Amino acid sequence: MTIKNPTVMPVSWRLVGFETLGEEFSCQDLEGCVMPYSTVTVSLSFQPTRPLVLNKKFVKIEASLLSVICIGIEV
């Protein structure tokens, strides 16, 4: 899966509900940051140990802008 950030601000992302899929599914990164005008590739793996029936399980991606606060101090 590729997450693209076409904005000038860094964007944080996270997968919500991934744990409900079961141990057959794995993902190295469940959250992260996409810098401005960049893409991030997230790899998902499925390794079943037996036949499975998946009944409408959902995973969503939540994304939000990272807020950066800069404080200038003059000496």
PDB file of N, CA and C in Angstrom:
ATOM      1  N   MET A   1       0.856  -1.150   0.000  1.00  0.00           N
ATOM      2  CA  MET A   1       0.000   0.000   0.000  1.00  0.00           C
ATOM      3  C   MET A   1       0.912   1.225   0.000  1.00  0.00           C
ATOM      4  N   THR A   2       0.556   2.233  -0.770  1.00  0.00           N
ATOM      5  CA  THR A   2       1.334   3.468  -0.835  1.00  0.00           C
ATOM      6  C   THR A   2       0.499   4.620  -0.302  1.00  0.00           C
ATOM      7  N   ILE A   3       1.091   5.379   0.604  1.00  0.00           N
ATOM      8  CA  ILE A   3       0.437   6.566   1.160  1.00  0.00           C
ATOM      9  C   ILE A   3       1.178   7.775   0.609  1.00  0.00           C
ATOM     10  N   LYS A   4       0.443   8.682  -0.023  1.00  0.00           N
ATOM     11  CA  LYS A   4       1.048   9.856  -0.659  1.00  0.00           C
ATOM     12  C   LYS A   4       0.608  11.118   0.057  1.00  0.00           C
ATOM     13  N   ASN A   5       1.536  12.034   0.268  1.00  0.00           N
ATOM     14  CA  ASN A   5       1.237  13.322   0.882  1.00  0.00           C
ATOM     15  C   ASN A   5       1.504  14.426  -0.135  1.00  0.00           C
ATOM     16  N   PRO A   6       0.455  14.959  -0.764  1.00  0.00           N
ATOM     17  CA  PRO A   6       0.642  16.020  -1.764  1.00  0.00           C
ATOM     18  C   PRO A   6       0.635  17.429  -1.157  1.00  0.00           C
ATOM     19  N   THR A   7       0.721  17.532   0.172  1.00  0.00           N
ATOM     20  CA  THR A   7       0.636  18.827   0.834  1.00  0.00           C
ATOM     21  C   THR A   7       2.011  19.338   1.249  1.00  0.00           C
ATOM     22  N   VAL A   8       2.064  20.582   1.738  1.00  0.00           N
ATOM     23  CA  VAL A   8       3.314  21.185   2.194  1.00  0.00           C
ATOM     24  C   VAL A   8       3.603  20.874   3.653  1.00  0.00           C
ATOM     25  N   MET A   9       2.679  20.210   4.348  1.00  0.00           N
ATOM     26  CA  MET A   9       2.836  19.883   5.769  1.00  0.00           C
ATOM     27  C   MET A   9       3.083  18.391   5.951  1.00  0.00           C
ATOM     28  N   PRO A  10       3.884  17.997   6.948  1.00  0.00           N
ATOM     29  CA  PRO A  10       4.028  16.574   7.254  1.00  0.00           C
ATOM     30  C   PRO A  10       2.691  16.014   7.759  1.00  0.00           C
ATOM     31  N   VAL A  11       2.421  14.769   7.427  1.00  0.00           N
ATOM     32  CA  VAL A  11       1.159  14.140   7.817  1.00  0.00           C
ATOM     33  C   VAL A  11       1.475  12.856   8.581  1.00  0.00           C
ATOM     34  N   SER A  12       0.833  12.685   9.736  1.00  0.00           N
ATOM     35  CA  SER A  12       0.979  11.429  10.464  1.00  0.00           C
ATOM     36  C   SER A  12      -0.161  10.507  10.044  1.00  0.00           C
ATOM     37  N   TRP A  13       0.096   9.199  10.085  1.00  0.00           N
ATOM     38  CA  TRP A  13      -0.917   8.221   9.710  1.00  0.00           C
ATOM     39  C   TRP A  13      -0.845   7.047  10.668  1.00  0.00           C
ATOM     40  N   ARG A  14      -1.959   6.310  10.780  1.00  0.00           N
ATOM     41  CA  ARG A  14      -1.956   5.078  11.552  1.00  0.00           C
ATOM     42  C   ARG A  14      -3.080   4.175  11.079  1.00  0.00           C
ATOM     43  N   LEU A  15      -2.842   2.878  11.153  1.00  0.00           N
ATOM     44  CA  LEU A  15      -3.850   1.889  10.796  1.00  0.00           C
ATOM     45  C   LEU A  15      -4.694   1.601  12.035  1.00  0.00           C
ATOM     46  N   VAL A  16      -5.988   1.701  11.901  1.00  0.00           N
ATOM     47  CA  VAL A  16      -6.908   1.467  13.016  1.00  0.00           C
ATOM     48  C   VAL A  16      -7.710   0.206  12.720  1.00  0.00           C
ATOM     49  N   GLY A  17      -7.741  -0.707  13.672  1.00  0.00           N
ATOM     50  CA  GLY A  17      -8.501  -1.936  13.512  1.00  0.00           C
ATOM     51  C   GLY A  17      -7.704  -3.089  12.954  1.00  0.00           C
ATOM     52  N   PHE A  18      -6.417  -2.909  12.746  1.00  0.00           N
ATOM     53  CA  PHE A  18      -5.591  -3.958  12.160  1.00  0.00           C
ATOM     54  C   PHE A  18      -5.548  -5.197  13.051  1.00  0.00           C
ATOM     55  N   GLU A  19      -5.570  -4.988  14.355  1.00  0.00           N
ATOM     56  CA  GLU A  19      -5.485  -6.107  15.296  1.00  0.00           C
ATOM     57  C   GLU A  19      -6.704  -7.028  15.227  1.00  0.00           C
ATOM     58  N   THR A  20      -7.792  -6.564  14.670  1.00  0.00           N
ATOM     59  CA  THR A  20      -8.999  -7.397  14.561  1.00  0.00           C
ATOM     60  C   THR A  20      -8.915  -8.412  13.423  1.00  0.00           C
ATOM     61  N   LEU A  21      -7.917  -8.284  12.552  1.00  0.00           N
ATOM     62  CA  LEU A  21      -7.787  -9.195  11.418  1.00  0.00           C
ATOM     63  C   LEU A  21      -7.292 -10.579  11.820  1.00  0.00           C
ATOM     64  N   GLY A  22      -6.562 -10.658  12.927  1.00  0.00           N
ATOM     65  CA  GLY A  22      -6.050 -11.940  13.377  1.00  0.00           C
ATOM     66  C   GLY A  22      -4.566 -12.074  13.139  1.00  0.00           C
ATOM     67  N   GLU A  23      -4.004 -13.154  13.676  1.00  0.00           N
ATOM     68  CA  GLU A  23      -2.551 -13.343  13.626  1.00  0.00           C
ATOM     69  C   GLU A  23      -2.032 -13.723  12.242  1.00  0.00           C
ATOM     70  N   GLU A  24      -2.922 -14.060  11.322  1.00  0.00           N
ATOM     71  CA  GLU A  24      -2.499 -14.379   9.957  1.00  0.00           C
ATOM     72  C   GLU A  24      -2.031 -13.143   9.194  1.00  0.00           C
ATOM     73  N   PHE A  25      -2.427 -11.975   9.656  1.00  0.00           N
ATOM     74  CA  PHE A  25      -2.050 -10.716   9.020  1.00  0.00           C
ATOM     75  C   PHE A  25      -0.954 -10.051   9.837  1.00  0.00           C
ATOM     76  N   SER A  26       0.019  -9.471   9.144  1.00  0.00           N
ATOM     77  CA  SER A  26       1.067  -8.738   9.845  1.00  0.00           C
ATOM     78  C   SER A  26       1.435  -7.483   9.059  1.00  0.00           C
ATOM     79  N   CYS A  27       1.955  -6.536   9.801  1.00  0.00           N
ATOM     80  CA  CYS A  27       2.382  -5.270   9.213  1.00  0.00           C
ATOM     81  C   CYS A  27       3.514  -4.740  10.081  1.00  0.00           C
ATOM     82  N   GLN A  28       4.632  -4.390   9.460  1.00  0.00           N
ATOM     83  CA  GLN A  28       5.779  -3.928  10.227  1.00  0.00           C
ATOM     84  C   GLN A  28       5.506  -2.561  10.855  1.00  0.00           C
ATOM     85  N   ASP A  29       4.864  -1.666  10.124  1.00  0.00           N
ATOM     86  CA  ASP A  29       4.591  -0.317  10.629  1.00  0.00           C
ATOM     87  C   ASP A  29       3.091  -0.075  10.679  1.00  0.00           C
ATOM     88  N   LEU A  30       2.564   0.151  11.870  1.00  0.00           N
ATOM     89  CA  LEU A  30       1.141   0.451  12.025  1.00  0.00           C
ATOM     90  C   LEU A  30       0.886   1.951  12.094  1.00  0.00           C
ATOM     91  N   GLU A  31       1.946   2.735  12.152  1.00  0.00           N
ATOM     92  CA  GLU A  31       1.818   4.189  12.141  1.00  0.00           C
ATOM     93  C   GLU A  31       3.119   4.803  11.672  1.00  0.00           C
ATOM     94  N   GLY A  32       3.028   6.057  11.269  1.00  0.00           N
ATOM     95  CA  GLY A  32       4.232   6.726  10.795  1.00  0.00           C
ATOM     96  C   GLY A  32       3.949   8.143  10.354  1.00  0.00           C
ATOM     97  N   CYS A  33       4.888   8.696   9.604  1.00  0.00           N
ATOM     98  CA  CYS A  33       4.796  10.072   9.138  1.00  0.00           C
ATOM     99  C   CYS A  33       5.168  10.109   7.653  1.00  0.00           C
ATOM    100  N   VAL A  34       4.462  10.927   6.902  1.00  0.00           N
ATOM    101  CA  VAL A  34       4.784  11.149   5.492  1.00  0.00           C
ATOM    102  C   VAL A  34       5.169  12.619   5.354  1.00  0.00           C
ATOM    103  N   MET A  35       6.390  12.839   4.943  1.00  0.00           N
ATOM    104  CA  MET A  35       6.876  14.199   4.797  1.00  0.00           C
ATOM    105  C   MET A  35       6.203  14.872   3.593  1.00  0.00           C
ATOM    106  N   PRO A  36       6.279  16.210   3.506  1.00  0.00           N
ATOM    107  CA  PRO A  36       5.639  16.928   2.397  1.00  0.00           C
ATOM    108  C   PRO A  36       6.090  16.409   1.031  1.00  0.00           C
ATOM    109  N   TYR A  37       5.135  16.288   0.133  1.00  0.00           N
ATOM    110  CA  TYR A  37       5.372  15.868  -1.255  1.00  0.00           C
ATOM    111  C   TYR A  37       6.101  14.523  -1.352  1.00  0.00           C
ATOM    112  N   SER A  38       5.861  13.639  -0.395  1.00  0.00           N
ATOM    113  CA  SER A  38       6.529  12.337  -0.372  1.00  0.00           C
ATOM    114  C   SER A  38       5.517  11.206  -0.341  1.00  0.00           C
ATOM    115  N   THR A  39       6.026  10.001  -0.528  1.00  0.00           N
ATOM    116  CA  THR A  39       5.193   8.807  -0.398  1.00  0.00           C
ATOM    117  C   THR A  39       5.874   7.832   0.555  1.00  0.00           C
ATOM    118  N   VAL A  40       5.064   6.993   1.171  1.00  0.00           N
ATOM    119  CA  VAL A  40       5.544   5.941   2.060  1.00  0.00           C
ATOM    120  C   VAL A  40       4.887   4.647   1.622  1.00  0.00           C
ATOM    121  N   THR A  41       5.668   3.583   1.545  1.00  0.00           N
ATOM    122  CA  THR A  41       5.128   2.278   1.203  1.00  0.00           C
ATOM    123  C   THR A  41       4.982   1.461   2.479  1.00  0.00           C
ATOM    124  N   VAL A  42       3.782   0.919   2.686  1.00  0.00           N
ATOM    125  CA  VAL A  42       3.484   0.090   3.850  1.00  0.00           C
ATOM    126  C   VAL A  42       3.196  -1.315   3.339  1.00  0.00           C
ATOM    127  N   SER A  43       3.937  -2.290   3.847  1.00  0.00           N
ATOM    128  CA  SER A  43       3.755  -3.674   3.409  1.00  0.00           C
ATOM    129  C   SER A  43       2.882  -4.439   4.399  1.00  0.00           C
ATOM    130  N   LEU A  44       1.859  -5.082   3.859  1.00  0.00           N
ATOM    131  CA  LEU A  44       0.970  -5.928   4.649  1.00  0.00           C
ATOM    132  C   LEU A  44       1.188  -7.367   4.205  1.00  0.00           C
ATOM    133  N   SER A  45       1.228  -8.293   5.161  1.00  0.00           N
ATOM    134  CA  SER A  45       1.433  -9.702   4.834  1.00  0.00           C
ATOM    135  C   SER A  45       0.265 -10.543   5.324  1.00  0.00           C
ATOM    136  N   PHE A  46      -0.039 -11.596   4.558  1.00  0.00           N
ATOM    137  CA  PHE A  46      -1.080 -12.549   4.919  1.00  0.00           C
ATOM    138  C   PHE A  46      -0.489 -13.945   4.793  1.00  0.00           C
ATOM    139  N   GLN A  47      -0.379 -14.651   5.908  1.00  0.00           N
ATOM    140  CA  GLN A  47       0.161 -16.007   5.919  1.00  0.00           C
ATOM    141  C   GLN A  47      -0.799 -16.911   6.696  1.00  0.00           C
ATOM    142  N   PRO A  48      -1.768 -17.488   5.999  1.00  0.00           N
ATOM    143  CA  PRO A  48      -2.727 -18.351   6.693  1.00  0.00           C
ATOM    144  C   PRO A  48      -2.110 -19.695   7.062  1.00  0.00           C
ATOM    145  N   THR A  49      -2.503 -20.205   8.214  1.00  0.00           N
ATOM    146  CA  THR A  49      -2.050 -21.523   8.642  1.00  0.00           C
ATOM    147  C   THR A  49      -3.128 -22.571   8.400  1.00  0.00           C
ATOM    148  N   ARG A  50      -4.317 -22.102   8.051  1.00  0.00           N
ATOM    149  CA  ARG A  50      -5.457 -22.971   7.767  1.00  0.00           C
ATOM    150  C   ARG A  50      -6.441 -22.183   6.908  1.00  0.00           C
ATOM    151  N   PRO A  51      -7.414 -22.831   6.286  1.00  0.00           N
ATOM    152  CA  PRO A  51      -8.414 -22.090   5.503  1.00  0.00           C
ATOM    153  C   PRO A  51      -9.182 -21.114   6.407  1.00  0.00           C
ATOM    154  N   LEU A  52      -9.452 -19.929   5.894  1.00  0.00           N
ATOM    155  CA  LEU A  52     -10.135 -18.885   6.668  1.00  0.00           C
ATOM    156  C   LEU A  52     -11.344 -18.353   5.920  1.00  0.00           C
ATOM    157  N   VAL A  53     -12.317 -17.923   6.684  1.00  0.00           N
ATOM    158  CA  VAL A  53     -13.434 -17.165   6.138  1.00  0.00           C
ATOM    159  C   VAL A  53     -13.419 -15.816   6.843  1.00  0.00           C
ATOM    160  N   LEU A  54     -13.193 -14.753   6.079  1.00  0.00           N
ATOM    161  CA  LEU A  54     -13.173 -13.405   6.649  1.00  0.00           C
ATOM    162  C   LEU A  54     -14.508 -12.742   6.383  1.00  0.00           C
ATOM    163  N   ASN A  55     -15.163 -12.343   7.439  1.00  0.00           N
ATOM    164  CA  ASN A  55     -16.473 -11.713   7.318  1.00  0.00           C
ATOM    165  C   ASN A  55     -16.378 -10.213   7.561  1.00  0.00           C
ATOM    166  N   LYS A  56     -16.303  -9.450   6.509  1.00  0.00           N
ATOM    167  CA  LYS A  56     -16.357  -7.991   6.549  1.00  0.00           C
ATOM    168  C   LYS A  56     -15.559  -7.383   7.693  1.00  0.00           C
ATOM    169  N   LYS A  57     -14.283  -7.602   7.677  1.00  0.00           N
ATOM    170  CA  LYS A  57     -13.388  -6.972   8.646  1.00  0.00           C
ATOM    171  C   LYS A  57     -12.812  -5.732   7.980  1.00  0.00           C
ATOM    172  N   PHE A  58     -12.788  -4.645   8.706  1.00  0.00           N
ATOM    173  CA  PHE A  58     -12.357  -3.375   8.139  1.00  0.00           C
ATOM    174  C   PHE A  58     -11.137  -2.836   8.876  1.00  0.00           C
ATOM    175  N   VAL A  59     -10.251  -2.266   8.105  1.00  0.00           N
ATOM    176  CA  VAL A  59      -9.113  -1.524   8.634  1.00  0.00           C
ATOM    177  C   VAL A  59      -9.175  -0.159   7.987  1.00  0.00           C
ATOM    178  N   LYS A  60      -8.999   0.884   8.782  1.00  0.00           N
ATOM    179  CA  LYS A  60      -9.008   2.217   8.185  1.00  0.00           C
ATOM    180  C   LYS A  60      -7.695   2.924   8.479  1.00  0.00           C
ATOM    181  N   ILE A  61      -7.399   3.891   7.655  1.00  0.00           N
ATOM    182  CA  ILE A  61      -6.208   4.710   7.822  1.00  0.00           C
ATOM    183  C   ILE A  61      -6.656   6.071   8.328  1.00  0.00           C
ATOM    184  N   GLU A  62      -6.138   6.461   9.485  1.00  0.00           N
ATOM    185  CA  GLU A  62      -6.392   7.801   9.992  1.00  0.00           C
ATOM    186  C   GLU A  62      -5.161   8.642   9.692  1.00  0.00           C
ATOM    187  N   ALA A  63      -5.386   9.827   9.182  1.00  0.00           N
ATOM    188  CA  ALA A  63      -4.288  10.734   8.870  1.00  0.00           C
ATOM    189  C   ALA A  63      -4.577  12.098   9.476  1.00  0.00           C
ATOM    190  N   SER A  64      -3.527  12.763   9.936  1.00  0.00           N
ATOM    191  CA  SER A  64      -3.698  14.108  10.478  1.00  0.00           C
ATOM    192  C   SER A  64      -2.421  14.907  10.246  1.00  0.00           C
ATOM    193  N   LEU A  65      -2.585  16.212  10.137  1.00  0.00           N
ATOM    194  CA  LEU A  65      -1.427  17.085   9.971  1.00  0.00           C
ATOM    195  C   LEU A  65      -0.645  17.125  11.268  1.00  0.00           C
ATOM    196  N   LEU A  66       0.658  17.136  11.156  1.00  0.00           N
ATOM    197  CA  LEU A  66       1.499  17.292  12.335  1.00  0.00           C
ATOM    198  C   LEU A  66       1.606  18.765  12.651  1.00  0.00           C
ATOM    199  N   SER A  67       1.383  19.116  13.896  1.00  0.00           N
ATOM    200  CA  SER A  67       1.513  20.527  14.263  1.00  0.00           C
ATOM    201  C   SER A  67       2.923  20.752  14.785  1.00  0.00           C
ATOM    202  N   VAL A  68       3.544  21.763  14.252  1.00  0.00           N
ATOM    203  CA  VAL A  68       4.910  22.091  14.646  1.00  0.00           C
ATOM    204  C   VAL A  68       4.882  23.449  15.302  1.00  0.00           C
ATOM    205  N   ILE A  69       5.396  23.508  16.527  1.00  0.00           N
ATOM    206  CA  ILE A  69       5.441  24.778  17.254  1.00  0.00           C
ATOM    207  C   ILE A  69       6.893  25.197  17.360  1.00  0.00           C
ATOM    208  N   CYS A  70       7.186  26.373  16.862  1.00  0.00           N
ATOM    209  CA  CYS A  70       8.542  26.896  16.936  1.00  0.00           C
ATOM    210  C   CYS A  70       8.554  28.100  17.857  1.00  0.00           C
ATOM    211  N   ILE A  71       9.452  28.083  18.811  1.00  0.00           N
ATOM    212  CA  ILE A  71       9.564  29.209  19.746  1.00  0.00           C
ATOM    213  C   ILE A  71      10.919  29.840  19.513  1.00  0.00           C
ATOM    214  N   GLY A  72      10.919  31.108  19.167  1.00  0.00           N
ATOM    215  CA  GLY A  72      12.178  31.829  18.947  1.00  0.00           C
ATOM    216  C   GLY A  72      12.584  32.572  20.201  1.00  0.00           C
ATOM    217  N   ILE A  73      13.815  32.397  20.613  1.00  0.00           N
ATOM    218  CA  ILE A  73      14.334  33.095  21.793  1.00  0.00           C
ATOM    219  C   ILE A  73      15.568  33.881  21.368  1.00  0.00           C
ATOM    220  N   GLU A  74      15.552  35.168  21.639  1.00  0.00           N
ATOM    221  CA  GLU A  74      16.722  36.000  21.326  1.00  0.00           C
ATOM    222  C   GLU A  74      17.507  36.223  22.600  1.00  0.00           C
ATOM    223  N   VAL A  75      18.830  36.159  22.461  1.00  0.00           N
ATOM    224  CA  VAL A  75      19.696  36.384  23.631  1.00  0.00           C
ATOM    225  C   VAL A  75      20.481  37.642  23.415  1.00  0.00           C
TER     226      VAL A  75
END
